[in-house]
Amino acid sequence: MGKIIKISALSLVGLFALLVVALDIWGFATLGSITLESNPAIDEDANKVVMVFGATGSVGDGLLKAAVEDPNVDKVYAITRRTSPRIEAGVASGKVVLRMHKDFTDYASVSDILGQTNTVMWSLGTTSIGVDDATYTLVNVDFPVAFVTAWLAARRDAPMSFHYVAGMGTDANGDQQWAREKGRTENEVAYLAQDSGLRTFSYRSAFVRPTSEQAGTLHYFLEALLRPGSLVISAKELGEAMLEISARTTTLKNGALIDNADSIAYAKAYEERIDKR
């Protein structure tokens, strides 16, 4: 019996290793469709005021961290139902302004700050597991579409950028309801932004590793396994990619889709640019 268990365990490990290798080969071969300009025009004012949604989640925490640490960002608004240690530390530093918000279909309570906001990082969402279709649509489609509608009512002049975390597998014509709904959000916010100064971007990321303050051994283990195929990015790196794309105001068009390898490339470009300051 012990021998059978050992063989079974080894077989599972072998299958897992083959799966990881196959995923890395697929990622290496297929991801990364955007060629970054070597000397892009950078607008230093493009991220002066940043707004973060979902900042208490594992992804949003990294987006907030990136925005707070960016030397070109003057103010960060955290729009949330609850606070977090990073939000509280940011408020104490004077760089973060906390705005408690409950109804994410109505933005009247934050209308006073929409006109001054340049960059919005949106990681607010819910998993499809255990959630009915109506609720999933409300959170992942209706919330961001309502926000973009309200934002454009308050401001239409560039620089403006809306960064939506969709996730790998998002597809408006896909077989899964979650993929179709997130794809619908991509299309609807891009449509709303037409004929305005707003550019919308969707991040079809794979595994987003939490910040160092939240990550555990398993997160780093998975990161080591998936890095060769560009299938993992840290939450802070994802935020840096967003900031870099915002600053490159003359490159990517409204509605651009950013895969994981593209996000990694933009994050690297961001870090190199900031290091030269």
Protein backbone atom coordinates (compact mmCIF):
# COMPACT_ATOMS: atom_id res chain seq x y z
CA MET A 1 0.00 0.00 0.00
CA GLY A 2 2.81 2.41 0.92
CA LYS A 3 4.53 1.76 -2.41
CA ILE A 4 1.33 2.49 -4.32
CA ILE A 5 0.83 5.75 -2.44
CA LYS A 6 4.42 6.77 -3.16
CA ILE A 7 4.05 5.99 -6.88
CA SER A 8 0.77 7.88 -7.01
CA ALA A 9 2.32 10.90 -5.29
CA LEU A 10 5.28 10.89 -7.66
CA SER A 11 2.92 10.64 -10.61
CA LEU A 12 0.96 13.66 -9.43
CA VAL A 13 4.17 15.64 -8.96
CA GLY A 14 5.27 14.63 -12.45
CA LEU A 15 1.96 15.68 -13.98
CA PHE A 16 2.08 18.99 -12.15
CA ALA A 17 5.61 19.62 -13.42
CA LEU A 18 4.57 18.81 -16.98
CA LEU A 19 1.60 21.14 -16.68
CA VAL A 20 3.80 24.00 -15.46
CA VAL A 21 6.31 23.43 -18.25
CA ALA A 22 3.51 23.34 -20.84
CA LEU A 23 2.03 26.57 -19.49
CA ASP A 24 5.40 28.31 -19.50
CA ILE A 25 6.09 27.22 -23.07
CA TRP A 26 2.64 28.44 -24.12
CA GLY A 27 3.12 31.77 -22.34
CA PHE A 28 6.60 32.31 -23.75
CA ALA A 29 5.41 31.54 -27.27
CA THR A 30 2.15 33.49 -27.33
CA LEU A 31 2.23 36.40 -24.87
CA GLY A 32 3.64 39.83 -25.55
CA SER A 33 2.07 41.46 -28.59
CA ILE A 34 3.03 45.11 -27.99
CA THR A 35 6.40 46.57 -29.02
CA LEU A 36 7.39 49.36 -26.63
CA GLU A 37 8.88 52.54 -28.04
CA SER A 38 12.48 53.02 -26.98
CA ASN A 39 12.25 56.80 -26.47
CA PRO A 40 8.58 57.58 -25.87
CA ALA A 41 7.19 60.99 -25.09
CA ILE A 42 6.38 61.10 -21.36
CA ASP A 43 3.79 63.40 -19.82
CA GLU A 44 4.95 64.00 -16.26
CA ASP A 45 1.49 65.32 -15.34
CA ALA A 46 -0.47 62.31 -16.61
CA ASN A 47 -0.64 60.68 -13.17
CA LYS A 48 -0.82 63.70 -10.91
CA VAL A 49 -4.08 62.55 -9.31
CA VAL A 50 -4.78 58.81 -9.14
CA MET A 51 -7.94 57.08 -7.98
CA VAL A 52 -7.86 53.44 -6.86
CA PHE A 53 -10.86 51.13 -6.60
CA GLY A 54 -10.52 47.79 -4.83
CA ALA A 55 -7.53 48.97 -2.81
CA THR A 56 -8.23 46.57 0.07
CA GLY A 57 -7.94 43.50 -2.17
CA SER A 58 -4.69 41.66 -2.91
CA VAL A 59 -4.38 43.21 -6.38
CA GLY A 60 -5.62 46.66 -5.41
CA ASP A 61 -3.19 46.81 -2.50
CA GLY A 62 -0.33 46.58 -4.98
CA LEU A 63 -1.86 49.17 -7.28
CA LEU A 64 -2.17 51.53 -4.33
CA LYS A 65 1.42 50.85 -3.31
CA ALA A 66 2.67 51.68 -6.79
CA ALA A 67 0.70 54.92 -6.90
CA VAL A 68 1.82 56.02 -3.43
CA GLU A 69 5.49 55.39 -4.21
CA ASP A 70 5.42 57.14 -7.59
CA PRO A 71 7.24 60.50 -7.28
CA ASN A 72 5.08 62.06 -10.01
CA VAL A 73 1.80 61.29 -8.21
CA ASP A 74 0.67 64.16 -6.01
CA LYS A 75 -2.51 62.64 -4.58
CA VAL A 76 -4.18 59.24 -4.41
CA TYR A 77 -7.88 58.79 -3.73
CA ALA A 78 -8.84 55.41 -2.29
CA ILE A 79 -12.54 54.81 -2.97
CA THR A 80 -13.61 51.94 -0.78
CA ARG A 81 -16.12 50.44 1.64
CA ARG A 82 -13.45 49.80 4.24
CA THR A 83 -9.89 50.77 5.05
CA SER A 84 -6.60 48.85 5.24
CA PRO A 85 -3.16 49.30 6.82
CA ARG A 86 -1.76 50.67 3.54
CA ILE A 87 -4.60 53.13 3.13
CA GLU A 88 -4.22 54.29 6.72
CA ALA A 89 -0.45 54.71 6.31
CA GLY A 90 -1.03 56.68 3.12
CA VAL A 91 -3.55 58.92 4.81
CA ALA A 92 -1.09 59.53 7.65
CA SER A 93 1.59 60.50 5.11
CA GLY A 94 -0.75 63.02 3.52
CA LYS A 95 -0.60 61.46 0.05
CA VAL A 96 -3.74 59.31 0.25
CA VAL A 97 -7.26 60.61 0.71
CA LEU A 98 -9.76 58.02 1.90
CA ARG A 99 -13.30 58.33 0.60
CA MET A 100 -15.69 55.78 2.08
CA HIS A 101 -18.20 54.72 -0.55
CA LYS A 102 -21.05 52.21 -0.53
CA ASP A 103 -23.06 52.42 -3.73
CA PHE A 104 -20.82 51.77 -6.71
CA THR A 105 -23.59 52.50 -9.19
CA ASP A 106 -23.88 56.10 -7.92
CA TYR A 107 -20.89 58.45 -7.76
CA ALA A 108 -22.61 61.65 -6.68
CA SER A 109 -20.76 61.55 -3.35
CA VAL A 110 -17.37 61.76 -5.11
CA SER A 111 -18.41 64.16 -7.87
CA ASP A 112 -16.26 66.88 -6.30
CA ILE A 113 -13.04 65.01 -7.07
CA LEU A 114 -13.82 63.39 -10.42
CA GLY A 115 -12.91 66.50 -12.38
CA GLN A 116 -9.37 66.57 -11.00
CA THR A 117 -8.61 62.86 -11.45
CA ASN A 118 -6.18 61.80 -14.20
CA THR A 119 -5.72 58.08 -13.69
CA VAL A 120 -8.10 55.42 -12.39
CA MET A 121 -6.92 51.95 -11.37
CA TRP A 122 -9.87 49.57 -11.16
CA SER A 123 -9.43 46.21 -9.45
CA LEU A 124 -12.83 46.15 -7.78
CA GLY A 125 -14.58 42.91 -8.65
CA THR A 126 -15.84 39.54 -7.51
CA THR A 127 -15.12 35.95 -8.45
CA SER A 128 -17.72 34.00 -10.40
CA ILE A 129 -17.45 31.11 -7.94
CA GLY A 130 -20.57 30.92 -5.81
CA VAL A 131 -21.98 34.14 -7.24
CA ASP A 132 -25.16 34.32 -9.30
CA ASP A 133 -25.00 35.82 -12.79
CA ALA A 134 -26.93 38.97 -11.87
CA THR A 135 -24.60 39.82 -8.99
CA TYR A 136 -21.53 39.09 -11.08
CA THR A 137 -22.78 41.45 -13.79
CA LEU A 138 -23.63 44.15 -11.24
CA VAL A 139 -20.14 44.16 -9.73
CA ASN A 140 -17.98 43.51 -12.80
CA VAL A 141 -19.95 45.38 -15.46
CA ASP A 142 -22.42 47.84 -13.97
CA PHE A 143 -20.03 49.26 -11.35
CA PRO A 144 -17.19 50.27 -13.71
CA VAL A 145 -19.52 51.38 -16.52
CA ALA A 146 -21.42 53.61 -14.09
CA PHE A 147 -18.15 55.09 -12.88
CA VAL A 148 -16.78 55.87 -16.34
CA THR A 149 -20.12 57.45 -17.24
CA ALA A 150 -19.95 59.68 -14.15
CA TRP A 151 -16.27 60.50 -14.70
CA LEU A 152 -16.87 61.62 -18.27
CA ALA A 153 -19.74 63.79 -17.09
CA ALA A 154 -17.26 65.61 -14.84
CA ARG A 155 -14.21 65.63 -17.11
CA ARG A 156 -13.41 64.92 -20.77
CA ASP A 157 -9.98 66.48 -21.26
CA ALA A 158 -6.77 64.47 -21.45
CA PRO A 159 -4.71 63.22 -19.76
CA MET A 160 -7.23 60.64 -18.53
CA SER A 161 -6.77 56.88 -18.36
CA PHE A 162 -8.92 54.07 -16.99
CA HIS A 163 -7.13 50.82 -16.14
CA TYR A 164 -9.38 47.79 -15.74
CA VAL A 165 -8.12 44.50 -14.32
CA ALA A 166 -9.97 41.88 -16.37
CA GLY A 167 -7.81 38.77 -16.14
CA MET A 168 -6.56 36.17 -18.58
CA GLY A 169 -9.33 34.42 -20.45
CA THR A 170 -11.54 37.48 -20.76
CA ASP A 171 -13.39 37.29 -24.07
CA ALA A 172 -16.60 39.07 -25.06
CA ASN A 173 -17.40 36.09 -27.30
CA GLY A 174 -16.20 33.41 -24.90
CA ASP A 175 -18.01 30.32 -23.66
CA GLN A 176 -17.94 31.30 -19.98
CA GLN A 177 -20.32 33.91 -18.58
CA TRP A 178 -17.58 35.59 -16.53
CA ALA A 179 -15.34 35.94 -19.60
CA ARG A 180 -18.14 37.41 -21.71
CA GLU A 181 -19.16 39.91 -19.02
CA LYS A 182 -15.65 41.20 -18.43
CA GLY A 183 -15.21 41.41 -22.19
CA ARG A 184 -18.43 43.40 -22.33
CA THR A 185 -17.02 45.81 -19.78
CA GLU A 186 -13.89 46.28 -21.89
CA ASN A 187 -16.02 47.16 -24.90
CA GLU A 188 -18.51 49.38 -23.09
CA VAL A 189 -15.97 51.58 -21.32
CA ALA A 190 -13.95 51.94 -24.53
CA TYR A 191 -17.12 52.96 -26.37
CA LEU A 192 -17.98 55.53 -23.71
CA ALA A 193 -14.50 57.02 -24.00
CA GLN A 194 -14.75 57.69 -27.73
CA ASP A 195 -14.50 61.34 -28.73
CA SER A 196 -13.08 62.29 -25.33
CA GLY A 197 -9.63 62.61 -23.78
CA LEU A 198 -10.06 59.31 -21.95
CA ARG A 199 -8.15 56.18 -22.89
CA THR A 200 -9.28 52.86 -21.44
CA PHE A 201 -7.04 49.82 -20.99
CA SER A 202 -7.82 46.26 -19.98
CA TYR A 203 -5.26 44.03 -18.27
CA ARG A 204 -5.67 40.36 -19.09
CA SER A 205 -3.26 39.28 -16.41
CA ALA A 206 -2.56 35.73 -15.31
CA PHE A 207 -1.36 35.16 -11.72
CA VAL A 208 -0.98 38.43 -9.83
CA ARG A 209 1.29 37.90 -6.85
CA PRO A 210 0.32 40.00 -3.80
CA THR A 211 2.65 42.64 -2.39
CA SER A 212 5.58 41.58 -0.23
CA GLU A 213 3.58 42.57 2.84
CA GLN A 214 0.80 40.12 1.94
CA ALA A 215 2.53 37.35 -0.01
CA GLY A 216 3.39 34.00 1.52
CA THR A 217 5.73 31.16 0.65
CA LEU A 218 3.21 29.59 -1.75
CA HIS A 219 2.86 32.83 -3.68
CA TYR A 220 6.61 33.08 -4.22
CA PHE A 221 6.82 29.39 -5.12
CA LEU A 222 4.18 29.82 -7.81
CA GLU A 223 5.89 32.98 -9.00
CA ALA A 224 9.17 31.11 -9.49
CA LEU A 225 7.39 28.42 -11.48
CA LEU A 226 5.45 30.78 -13.75
CA ARG A 227 7.96 33.58 -14.39
CA PRO A 228 9.63 31.78 -17.34
CA GLY A 229 6.37 31.93 -19.28
CA SER A 230 5.52 35.52 -18.27
CA LEU A 231 2.46 34.16 -16.50
CA VAL A 232 2.94 36.02 -13.23
CA ILE A 233 3.31 39.65 -12.25
CA SER A 234 3.36 41.24 -8.83
CA ALA A 235 0.48 43.52 -7.94
CA LYS A 236 2.87 46.44 -7.54
CA GLU A 237 4.41 45.77 -10.95
CA LEU A 238 0.94 45.77 -12.46
CA GLY A 239 0.36 49.19 -10.93
CA GLU A 240 3.69 50.40 -12.32
CA ALA A 241 2.68 49.17 -15.77
CA MET A 242 -0.51 51.20 -15.51
CA LEU A 243 1.38 54.32 -14.49
CA GLU A 244 3.81 53.90 -17.38
CA ILE A 245 1.03 53.43 -19.91
CA SER A 246 -0.75 56.51 -18.57
CA ALA A 247 2.42 58.58 -18.91
CA ARG A 248 2.91 57.46 -22.52
CA THR A 249 -0.01 59.55 -23.70
CA THR A 250 0.71 59.28 -27.43
CA THR A 251 1.24 55.53 -27.77
CA LEU A 252 -1.50 53.02 -26.96
CA LYS A 253 -4.97 53.74 -28.25
CA ASN A 254 -8.24 53.72 -26.32
CA GLY A 255 -9.46 50.16 -25.76
CA ALA A 256 -6.02 48.51 -25.87
CA LEU A 257 -5.73 45.03 -24.35
CA ILE A 258 -2.63 44.37 -22.26
CA ASP A 259 -1.55 40.78 -21.66
CA ASN A 260 0.74 39.65 -18.84
CA ALA A 261 3.99 39.83 -20.81
CA ASP A 262 3.10 43.33 -22.01
CA SER A 263 2.42 44.41 -18.43
CA ILE A 264 5.80 43.06 -17.33
CA ALA A 265 7.52 45.00 -20.12
CA TYR A 266 5.79 48.24 -19.21
CA ALA A 267 6.59 47.74 -15.52
CA LYS A 268 10.27 47.25 -16.38
CA ALA A 269 10.24 50.40 -18.53
CA TYR A 270 8.62 52.29 -15.67
CA GLU A 271 11.24 51.16 -13.17
CA GLU A 272 14.08 52.08 -15.53
CA ARG A 273 12.58 55.52 -16.14
CA ILE A 274 12.06 56.25 -12.44
CA ASP A 275 15.57 55.03 -11.56
CA LYS A 276 17.04 57.60 -13.96
CA ARG A 277 15.41 60.50 -12.14
